[in-house]
Amino acid sequence: METVRAARPYDAGPVGVLCAEAVNKLKLSAAGRAMLSGKLGILAKALSRPGGLERLIRDRKFAVAVGLFDDAIVGYCVGSYGVGSYGVGLKGAGWIGAESQTGGLSMTSDSDGTPLPPLPIAAVSPVAPVAPHGFTGRTGILEAVYVTPGARGVGVGGAMLDHVVALLEQRGCTGVDVSCLPGDRYSKRLMENAGFKARLIVMHRPAGASR
């Protein structure tokens, strides 16, 4: 039987395993690797380190849920809110340090303080989400949602989305945005079934590419 609940600090182990699984799948595509070079990659690093999940749970700029099937954690979902809340929230959680000499932001491990490779400033710069027409106020961002393949199709993903969106609405959000990778039909269908509607398609042409 599937259930969903707010994440708890002792969920760190299974959530870390699922996060690594999700990262490995993203690495298989150029678009996925591009997403990992930005704030999604920072979130993945935070979730994989001691104390990372607990810090996100304690920071009210984040909403974190886990999905269970037969009492086993099979998915997780993370949302955030506020203008630039993601970078600010991770700074407050201690995952982003001062600007490095190479022009990036360094993350330090909570356990031993060893600096991780710097990331471009643009990857975590606070950017105000674009609110859809008719909406005012705070816009929530669905940062990550993942369900292990063997547990898909039973409602876990949709239940986690509903849980996180409800938390963000309780905290003053008037809408929630999410991005899907091109060709990811599972994610697109999941979001549409949860009430999300496409309102902007971002297209990209790499430098030097031919028509």
Protein backbone atom coordinates (compact mmCIF):
# COMPACT_ATOMS: atom_id res chain seq x y z
CA MET A 1 0.00 0.00 0.00
CA GLU A 2 1.36 3.44 -0.94
CA THR A 3 1.60 6.30 1.56
CA VAL A 4 3.29 9.69 1.75
CA ARG A 5 4.54 11.73 4.69
CA ALA A 6 6.90 14.55 5.56
CA ALA A 7 10.53 13.51 5.47
CA ARG A 8 12.27 12.86 8.78
CA PRO A 9 15.99 13.01 9.63
CA TYR A 10 16.27 9.23 9.90
CA ASP A 11 15.13 8.91 6.27
CA ALA A 12 18.56 10.18 5.16
CA GLY A 13 19.91 6.72 4.25
CA PRO A 14 17.21 5.58 1.80
CA VAL A 15 16.76 9.12 0.42
CA GLY A 16 20.50 9.29 -0.27
CA VAL A 17 20.36 5.97 -2.13
CA LEU A 18 17.40 7.16 -4.23
CA CYS A 19 19.14 10.48 -4.92
CA ALA A 20 22.23 8.65 -6.23
CA GLU A 21 19.95 6.52 -8.43
CA ALA A 22 18.29 9.64 -9.82
CA VAL A 23 21.65 11.34 -10.47
CA ASN A 24 22.95 8.31 -12.37
CA LYS A 25 19.89 8.40 -14.63
CA LEU A 26 20.26 12.14 -15.26
CA LYS A 27 23.89 11.65 -16.28
CA LEU A 28 22.73 9.55 -19.24
CA SER A 29 21.52 12.62 -21.17
CA ALA A 30 23.09 15.97 -22.05
CA ALA A 31 20.04 17.81 -20.69
CA GLY A 32 20.24 15.87 -17.44
CA ARG A 33 23.94 16.63 -17.05
CA ALA A 34 23.19 20.32 -17.63
CA MET A 35 20.61 20.28 -14.84
CA LEU A 36 23.11 18.63 -12.50
CA SER A 37 25.58 21.44 -13.17
CA GLY A 38 23.15 23.87 -11.53
CA LYS A 39 21.13 23.95 -8.35
CA LEU A 40 19.77 20.43 -8.82
CA GLY A 41 23.35 19.19 -8.50
CA ILE A 42 23.77 21.20 -5.31
CA LEU A 43 20.61 19.65 -3.89
CA ALA A 44 21.88 16.17 -4.78
CA LYS A 45 25.18 16.83 -3.01
CA ALA A 46 23.34 18.15 0.04
CA LEU A 47 21.12 15.08 0.25
CA SER A 48 24.09 12.74 -0.05
CA ARG A 49 26.00 14.24 2.88
CA PRO A 50 25.58 13.70 6.62
CA GLY A 51 22.99 16.06 8.04
CA GLY A 52 21.90 17.38 4.65
CA LEU A 53 18.34 16.08 4.71
CA GLU A 54 17.86 17.20 8.32
CA ARG A 55 18.98 20.74 7.47
CA LEU A 56 16.55 20.96 4.57
CA ILE A 57 13.75 19.69 6.80
CA ARG A 58 14.49 22.34 9.44
CA ASP A 59 14.64 25.17 6.90
CA ARG A 60 11.07 26.35 6.36
CA LYS A 61 11.95 27.59 2.87
CA PHE A 62 11.91 23.92 1.89
CA ALA A 63 9.20 21.27 1.89
CA VAL A 64 10.40 17.65 1.74
CA ALA A 65 8.25 14.54 1.44
CA VAL A 66 8.93 10.85 1.02
CA GLY A 67 6.77 8.23 -0.66
CA LEU A 68 6.46 4.72 0.73
CA PHE A 69 5.25 1.43 -0.68
CA ASP A 70 4.78 -1.43 1.79
CA ASP A 71 6.63 0.70 4.38
CA ALA A 72 9.75 1.07 2.19
CA ILE A 73 10.79 4.54 0.99
CA VAL A 74 10.59 4.49 -2.80
CA GLY A 75 10.62 8.20 -3.66
CA TYR A 76 11.25 11.74 -2.48
CA CYS A 77 10.06 15.21 -3.42
CA VAL A 78 11.59 18.62 -2.57
CA GLY A 79 9.98 22.03 -3.03
CA SER A 80 11.12 25.53 -2.08
CA TYR A 81 9.69 29.03 -2.11
CA GLY A 82 10.60 32.70 -2.16
CA VAL A 83 12.70 34.87 -4.46
CA GLY A 84 16.04 33.14 -4.73
CA SER A 85 15.14 30.93 -1.79
CA TYR A 86 17.10 27.96 -3.09
CA GLY A 87 20.55 29.55 -2.94
CA VAL A 88 19.74 31.44 0.25
CA GLY A 89 18.28 28.34 1.85
CA LEU A 90 21.33 26.22 1.13
CA LYS A 91 23.59 28.99 2.39
CA GLY A 92 21.62 29.03 5.61
CA ALA A 93 21.94 25.25 5.83
CA GLY A 94 25.71 25.53 5.55
CA TRP A 95 26.02 23.84 2.16
CA ILE A 96 27.29 26.86 0.25
CA GLY A 97 30.39 28.69 1.38
CA ALA A 98 32.05 31.92 0.40
CA GLU A 99 32.93 32.81 -3.16
CA SER A 100 36.04 30.93 -4.24
CA GLN A 101 39.11 32.24 -5.98
CA THR A 102 38.00 30.59 -9.22
CA GLY A 103 34.81 32.62 -9.44
CA GLY A 104 32.45 30.02 -8.09
CA LEU A 105 30.75 29.04 -4.87
CA SER A 106 32.33 26.31 -2.79
CA MET A 107 30.36 23.72 -0.86
CA THR A 108 31.90 22.22 2.26
CA SER A 109 31.23 18.79 3.66
CA ASP A 110 29.41 18.94 6.99
CA SER A 111 31.54 16.12 8.36
CA ASP A 112 35.12 17.26 7.79
CA GLY A 113 34.93 20.70 6.15
CA THR A 114 36.71 19.54 2.98
CA PRO A 115 35.80 21.93 0.14
CA LEU A 116 34.06 20.50 -2.89
CA PRO A 117 34.82 21.69 -6.44
CA PRO A 118 33.47 25.22 -7.01
CA LEU A 119 30.31 25.69 -9.05
CA PRO A 120 29.66 28.66 -11.34
CA ILE A 121 27.96 31.53 -9.55
CA ALA A 122 25.21 31.50 -12.18
CA ALA A 123 24.24 28.02 -11.06
CA VAL A 124 23.00 29.25 -7.69
CA SER A 125 22.34 32.95 -8.25
CA PRO A 126 18.99 34.04 -6.76
CA VAL A 127 16.50 34.45 -9.60
CA ALA A 128 12.90 35.49 -9.13
CA PRO A 129 10.54 32.86 -10.58
CA VAL A 130 8.25 34.25 -13.27
CA ALA A 131 4.69 34.23 -11.96
CA PRO A 132 1.98 33.24 -14.47
CA HIS A 133 -0.59 35.81 -15.53
CA GLY A 134 -3.18 36.38 -12.83
CA PHE A 135 -0.90 35.25 -10.00
CA THR A 136 0.71 37.56 -7.49
CA GLY A 137 2.91 36.95 -4.49
CA ARG A 138 5.27 34.08 -3.79
CA THR A 139 5.85 31.32 -6.35
CA GLY A 140 6.94 27.91 -5.16
CA ILE A 141 9.45 25.80 -7.06
CA LEU A 142 9.34 22.02 -7.31
CA GLU A 143 13.06 21.31 -7.12
CA ALA A 144 13.13 17.53 -7.42
CA VAL A 145 10.82 14.54 -7.48
CA TYR A 146 11.93 10.96 -7.98
CA VAL A 147 10.28 7.56 -7.72
CA THR A 148 12.32 4.42 -8.23
CA PRO A 149 11.14 2.68 -11.45
CA GLY A 150 9.83 -0.43 -9.71
CA ALA A 151 7.37 1.63 -7.66
CA ARG A 152 5.94 3.79 -10.43
CA GLY A 153 2.36 3.71 -11.60
CA VAL A 154 0.77 3.18 -8.17
CA GLY A 155 0.26 6.82 -7.15
CA VAL A 156 3.37 7.50 -5.06
CA GLY A 157 4.63 10.36 -7.24
CA GLY A 158 1.28 12.13 -7.38
CA ALA A 159 0.77 11.78 -3.62
CA MET A 160 4.19 13.32 -2.92
CA LEU A 161 3.48 16.20 -5.30
CA ASP A 162 0.15 16.90 -3.61
CA HIS A 163 1.80 16.83 -0.19
CA VAL A 164 4.62 19.24 -1.11
CA VAL A 165 2.35 21.61 -3.05
CA ALA A 166 -0.04 21.73 -0.07
CA LEU A 167 2.85 22.64 2.26
CA LEU A 168 4.01 25.40 -0.09
CA GLU A 169 0.48 26.78 -0.31
CA GLN A 170 0.24 26.79 3.49
CA ARG A 171 3.40 28.91 3.54
CA GLY A 172 1.92 31.54 1.25
CA CYS A 173 2.68 30.35 -2.29
CA THR A 174 0.11 31.32 -4.90
CA GLY A 175 1.41 28.83 -7.46
CA VAL A 176 4.16 26.25 -8.01
CA ASP A 177 6.50 25.94 -11.01
CA VAL A 178 8.35 22.85 -12.21
CA SER A 179 10.70 22.04 -15.12
CA CYS A 180 10.74 18.75 -17.05
CA LEU A 181 13.50 17.41 -19.27
CA PRO A 182 12.66 17.23 -22.98
CA GLY A 183 11.50 13.74 -23.90
CA ASP A 184 10.78 12.77 -20.28
CA ARG A 185 7.24 11.58 -20.86
CA TYR A 186 6.92 10.02 -17.40
CA SER A 187 7.63 13.31 -15.63
CA LYS A 188 5.44 15.32 -18.01
CA ARG A 189 2.52 12.93 -17.54
CA LEU A 190 3.05 12.92 -13.76
CA MET A 191 2.96 16.72 -13.60
CA GLU A 192 -0.08 17.01 -15.87
CA ASN A 193 -1.97 14.46 -13.78
CA ALA A 194 -1.08 16.54 -10.70
CA GLY A 195 -2.63 19.66 -12.25
CA PHE A 196 0.46 21.35 -13.73
CA LYS A 197 0.04 23.01 -17.13
CA ALA A 198 2.73 24.04 -19.60
CA ARG A 199 2.96 27.83 -19.97
CA LEU A 200 6.47 28.32 -21.35
CA ILE A 201 8.74 26.20 -23.54
CA VAL A 202 12.43 27.12 -23.36
CA MET A 203 14.46 26.12 -26.42
CA HIS A 204 18.25 26.13 -26.73
CA ARG A 205 20.75 26.12 -29.58
CA PRO A 206 24.39 25.42 -28.65
CA ALA A 207 27.05 27.74 -30.04
CA GLY A 208 28.38 26.50 -33.38
CA ALA A 209 25.43 24.21 -34.04
CA SER A 210 24.18 23.98 -37.62
CA ARG A 211 20.57 24.28 -38.70
